[in-house]
Amino acid sequence: MDRLSSFVTECQHEFQRINWPTAAETARMTVVVIALSLGIAAFLGAADFGLLYGLNNYIL
């Protein structure tokens, strides 16, 4: 039981040392992640459409 309480105490100390992002940083990074996800999805969708179009109209 002593090891468990020591572990919990050490975890609490480590959590206090974490440099948590501010709300503004979190919001900005969330927008970046969403924008990149949409950009990659659009690129992959366009590539898929183009490849299917090419296969259906020129090869088959």
Protein backbone atom coordinates (compact mmCIF):
# COMPACT_ATOMS: atom_id res chain seq x y z
CA MET A 1 0.00 0.00 0.00
CA ASP A 2 2.94 2.31 0.64
CA ARG A 3 4.09 1.90 -2.97
CA LEU A 4 0.64 2.88 -4.24
CA SER A 5 0.49 6.09 -2.20
CA SER A 6 4.03 6.94 -3.27
CA PHE A 7 3.05 6.42 -6.91
CA VAL A 8 -0.02 8.66 -6.59
CA THR A 9 2.02 11.38 -4.88
CA GLU A 10 4.67 11.27 -7.59
CA CYS A 11 1.97 11.46 -10.27
CA GLN A 12 0.50 14.55 -8.65
CA HIS A 13 3.92 16.22 -8.61
CA GLU A 14 4.51 15.35 -12.26
CA PHE A 15 1.12 16.77 -13.28
CA GLN A 16 2.01 20.05 -11.59
CA ARG A 17 5.20 20.26 -13.68
CA ILE A 18 3.37 19.91 -17.00
CA ASN A 19 3.32 23.05 -19.11
CA TRP A 20 -0.38 23.03 -20.06
CA PRO A 21 -1.38 25.05 -23.17
CA THR A 22 -3.53 28.12 -22.78
CA ALA A 23 -7.09 28.21 -24.08
CA ALA A 24 -5.99 30.38 -27.02
CA GLU A 25 -3.21 27.94 -27.96
CA THR A 26 -5.61 25.01 -27.74
CA ALA A 27 -8.17 26.78 -29.94
CA ARG A 28 -5.52 27.74 -32.51
CA MET A 29 -4.09 24.23 -32.71
CA THR A 30 -7.60 22.76 -32.98
CA VAL A 31 -8.29 25.01 -35.98
CA VAL A 32 -4.97 23.93 -37.54
CA VAL A 33 -5.81 20.24 -37.09
CA ILE A 34 -9.30 20.66 -38.55
CA ALA A 35 -7.99 22.68 -41.52
CA LEU A 36 -5.27 20.14 -42.28
CA SER A 37 -7.75 17.27 -41.98
CA LEU A 38 -10.14 18.95 -44.41
CA GLY A 39 -7.29 19.76 -46.81
CA ILE A 40 -6.00 16.20 -46.81
CA ALA A 41 -9.54 14.83 -47.19
CA ALA A 42 -10.15 17.13 -50.17
CA PHE A 43 -6.86 16.10 -51.78
CA LEU A 44 -7.52 12.39 -51.30
CA GLY A 45 -11.11 12.77 -52.53
CA ALA A 46 -9.93 14.60 -55.65
CA ALA A 47 -7.22 12.01 -56.28
CA ASP A 48 -9.73 9.19 -55.86
CA PHE A 49 -12.21 10.86 -58.20
CA GLY A 50 -9.50 11.53 -60.78
CA LEU A 51 -8.16 7.99 -60.69
CA LEU A 52 -11.64 6.47 -60.95
CA TYR A 53 -12.51 8.81 -63.81
CA GLY A 54 -9.31 7.89 -65.62
CA LEU A 55 -9.78 4.18 -65.10
CA ASN A 56 -13.41 4.21 -66.20
CA ASN A 57 -12.99 6.42 -69.26
CA TYR A 58 -9.54 5.62 -70.65
CA ILE A 59 -8.56 2.13 -69.56
CA LEU A 60 -11.81 0.20 -69.35
